[in-house]
Amino acid sequence: MQSSIQSNDAPFIDWVKNLIIMAENNDLSSREIESYTAKITEQATQQQMAVIVSQLLNYIRIHQ
């Protein structure tokens, strides 16, 4: 499975960045997290989900 960022992955990478910014600012409620998660899982392919998870895990690893 390829995990590099493709041009069609850009909206999902933007989603990850926005989610990280909101989390850093403590602007996420449980309802928002559920809503964001439902929306992205409906729209993303398996490969795009792999990119999303990879980006989030890299962020967590870097900021520990």
N, C-alpha and C. Protein backbone atom coordinates (compact mmCIF):
# COMPACT_ATOMS: atom_id res chain seq x y z
N MET A 1 0.85 -1.18 0.00
CA MET A 1 0.00 0.00 0.00
C MET A 1 0.89 1.24 0.00
N GLN A 2 0.55 2.15 -0.88
CA GLN A 2 1.32 3.38 -0.98
C GLN A 2 0.76 4.40 -0.01
N SER A 3 1.65 5.04 0.74
CA SER A 3 1.17 6.02 1.72
C SER A 3 1.63 7.43 1.40
N SER A 4 2.19 7.64 0.21
CA SER A 4 2.60 8.99 -0.15
C SER A 4 1.37 9.83 -0.45
N ILE A 5 1.55 11.12 -0.36
CA ILE A 5 0.43 12.04 -0.55
C ILE A 5 0.24 12.27 -2.05
N GLN A 6 -0.96 11.99 -2.53
CA GLN A 6 -1.35 12.21 -3.91
C GLN A 6 -2.13 13.52 -3.98
N SER A 7 -2.27 14.06 -5.19
CA SER A 7 -3.02 15.31 -5.33
C SER A 7 -4.48 15.14 -4.91
N ASN A 8 -5.06 13.94 -5.13
CA ASN A 8 -6.45 13.74 -4.72
C ASN A 8 -6.57 13.51 -3.22
N ASP A 9 -5.45 13.43 -2.50
CA ASP A 9 -5.46 13.31 -1.05
C ASP A 9 -5.45 14.68 -0.37
N ALA A 10 -5.24 15.74 -1.13
CA ALA A 10 -5.09 17.08 -0.56
C ALA A 10 -6.25 17.48 0.34
N PRO A 11 -7.50 17.24 -0.04
CA PRO A 11 -8.60 17.63 0.87
C PRO A 11 -8.52 16.89 2.21
N PHE A 12 -8.03 15.67 2.19
CA PHE A 12 -7.94 14.89 3.42
C PHE A 12 -6.77 15.34 4.28
N ILE A 13 -5.70 15.77 3.64
CA ILE A 13 -4.56 16.32 4.38
C ILE A 13 -4.98 17.64 5.02
N ASP A 14 -5.74 18.45 4.29
CA ASP A 14 -6.26 19.69 4.86
C ASP A 14 -7.16 19.40 6.05
N TRP A 15 -7.98 18.34 5.94
CA TRP A 15 -8.85 17.94 7.04
C TRP A 15 -8.02 17.59 8.27
N VAL A 16 -6.94 16.85 8.07
CA VAL A 16 -6.06 16.48 9.19
C VAL A 16 -5.47 17.73 9.82
N LYS A 17 -4.97 18.64 9.01
CA LYS A 17 -4.38 19.88 9.52
C LYS A 17 -5.40 20.69 10.33
N ASN A 18 -6.61 20.80 9.80
CA ASN A 18 -7.65 21.54 10.53
C ASN A 18 -8.00 20.86 11.84
N LEU A 19 -8.09 19.56 11.83
CA LEU A 19 -8.39 18.82 13.05
C LEU A 19 -7.29 19.01 14.09
N ILE A 20 -6.05 18.99 13.66
CA ILE A 20 -4.92 19.19 14.58
C ILE A 20 -4.97 20.60 15.18
N ILE A 21 -5.23 21.60 14.35
CA ILE A 21 -5.31 22.98 14.84
C ILE A 21 -6.43 23.12 15.86
N MET A 22 -7.58 22.53 15.55
CA MET A 22 -8.70 22.61 16.48
C MET A 22 -8.37 21.89 17.79
N ALA A 23 -7.70 20.75 17.70
CA ALA A 23 -7.34 20.01 18.90
C ALA A 23 -6.33 20.80 19.75
N GLU A 24 -5.37 21.42 19.08
CA GLU A 24 -4.38 22.21 19.81
C GLU A 24 -5.02 23.38 20.56
N ASN A 25 -6.08 23.91 19.98
CA ASN A 25 -6.77 25.05 20.58
C ASN A 25 -7.91 24.61 21.50
N ASN A 26 -8.01 23.31 21.74
CA ASN A 26 -9.07 22.75 22.58
C ASN A 26 -10.45 23.17 22.10
N ASP A 27 -10.63 23.22 20.78
CA ASP A 27 -11.89 23.64 20.19
C ASP A 27 -12.76 22.47 19.73
N LEU A 28 -12.41 21.25 20.13
CA LEU A 28 -13.16 20.09 19.67
C LEU A 28 -14.04 19.51 20.77
N SER A 29 -15.31 19.40 20.49
CA SER A 29 -16.21 18.70 21.40
C SER A 29 -16.33 17.26 20.90
N SER A 30 -16.89 16.40 21.70
CA SER A 30 -17.10 15.01 21.28
C SER A 30 -17.99 14.95 20.05
N ARG A 31 -18.98 15.79 20.01
CA ARG A 31 -19.88 15.83 18.85
C ARG A 31 -19.13 16.23 17.58
N GLU A 32 -18.23 17.20 17.68
CA GLU A 32 -17.46 17.63 16.51
C GLU A 32 -16.54 16.52 16.03
N ILE A 33 -15.92 15.82 16.96
CA ILE A 33 -15.03 14.73 16.58
C ILE A 33 -15.82 13.65 15.85
N GLU A 34 -16.99 13.29 16.38
CA GLU A 34 -17.82 12.27 15.74
C GLU A 34 -18.27 12.73 14.36
N SER A 35 -18.65 13.99 14.25
CA SER A 35 -19.11 14.53 12.97
C SER A 35 -17.98 14.53 11.94
N TYR A 36 -16.80 15.01 12.34
CA TYR A 36 -15.65 15.02 11.44
C TYR A 36 -15.28 13.61 11.01
N THR A 37 -15.27 12.70 11.96
CA THR A 37 -14.90 11.32 11.67
C THR A 37 -15.88 10.67 10.71
N ALA A 38 -17.16 10.86 10.95
CA ALA A 38 -18.19 10.29 10.08
C ALA A 38 -18.07 10.85 8.66
N LYS A 39 -17.88 12.15 8.57
CA LYS A 39 -17.78 12.79 7.26
C LYS A 39 -16.57 12.27 6.48
N ILE A 40 -15.45 12.20 7.12
CA ILE A 40 -14.22 11.81 6.42
C ILE A 40 -14.25 10.33 6.05
N THR A 41 -14.79 9.48 6.89
CA THR A 41 -14.82 8.06 6.57
C THR A 41 -15.80 7.75 5.45
N GLU A 42 -16.83 8.58 5.29
CA GLU A 42 -17.75 8.41 4.17
C GLU A 42 -17.10 8.80 2.86
N GLN A 43 -16.19 9.75 2.88
CA GLN A 43 -15.62 10.31 1.65
C GLN A 43 -14.29 9.68 1.25
N ALA A 44 -13.55 9.16 2.19
CA ALA A 44 -12.18 8.72 1.91
C ALA A 44 -12.13 7.27 1.43
N THR A 45 -11.19 7.01 0.55
CA THR A 45 -10.91 5.64 0.15
C THR A 45 -10.01 5.01 1.20
N GLN A 46 -9.77 3.73 1.07
CA GLN A 46 -8.89 3.05 2.03
C GLN A 46 -7.48 3.65 2.00
N GLN A 47 -6.99 3.95 0.82
CA GLN A 47 -5.65 4.55 0.71
C GLN A 47 -5.62 5.93 1.34
N GLN A 48 -6.66 6.72 1.14
CA GLN A 48 -6.71 8.05 1.74
C GLN A 48 -6.80 7.96 3.26
N MET A 49 -7.54 6.98 3.77
CA MET A 49 -7.61 6.77 5.22
C MET A 49 -6.23 6.41 5.76
N ALA A 50 -5.47 5.63 5.00
CA ALA A 50 -4.11 5.29 5.42
C ALA A 50 -3.25 6.53 5.52
N VAL A 51 -3.41 7.45 4.58
CA VAL A 51 -2.67 8.71 4.61
C VAL A 51 -3.08 9.54 5.82
N ILE A 52 -4.38 9.60 6.09
CA ILE A 52 -4.89 10.36 7.24
C ILE A 52 -4.32 9.81 8.55
N VAL A 53 -4.41 8.50 8.72
CA VAL A 53 -3.91 7.88 9.95
C VAL A 53 -2.41 8.09 10.07
N SER A 54 -1.70 7.94 8.97
CA SER A 54 -0.25 8.15 8.98
C SER A 54 0.10 9.57 9.40
N GLN A 55 -0.60 10.56 8.83
CA GLN A 55 -0.34 11.96 9.17
C GLN A 55 -0.62 12.24 10.65
N LEU A 56 -1.73 11.71 11.16
CA LEU A 56 -2.06 11.92 12.56
C LEU A 56 -1.05 11.25 13.48
N LEU A 57 -0.65 10.03 13.15
CA LEU A 57 0.34 9.33 13.98
C LEU A 57 1.70 10.04 13.94
N ASN A 58 2.08 10.53 12.78
CA ASN A 58 3.34 11.28 12.69
C ASN A 58 3.28 12.53 13.55
N TYR A 59 2.14 13.22 13.54
CA TYR A 59 1.98 14.42 14.35
C TYR A 59 2.11 14.06 15.83
N ILE A 60 1.43 13.01 16.25
CA ILE A 60 1.49 12.59 17.65
C ILE A 60 2.92 12.21 18.04
N ARG A 61 3.59 11.47 17.18
CA ARG A 61 4.96 11.03 17.47
C ARG A 61 5.90 12.24 17.61
N ILE A 62 5.76 13.19 16.73
CA ILE A 62 6.64 14.37 16.74
C ILE A 62 6.39 15.24 17.97
N HIS A 63 5.15 15.32 18.42
CA HIS A 63 4.78 16.22 19.51
C HIS A 63 4.65 15.56 20.87
N GLN A 64 5.23 14.39 21.04
CA GLN A 64 5.19 13.75 22.36
C GLN A 64 6.23 14.34 23.26
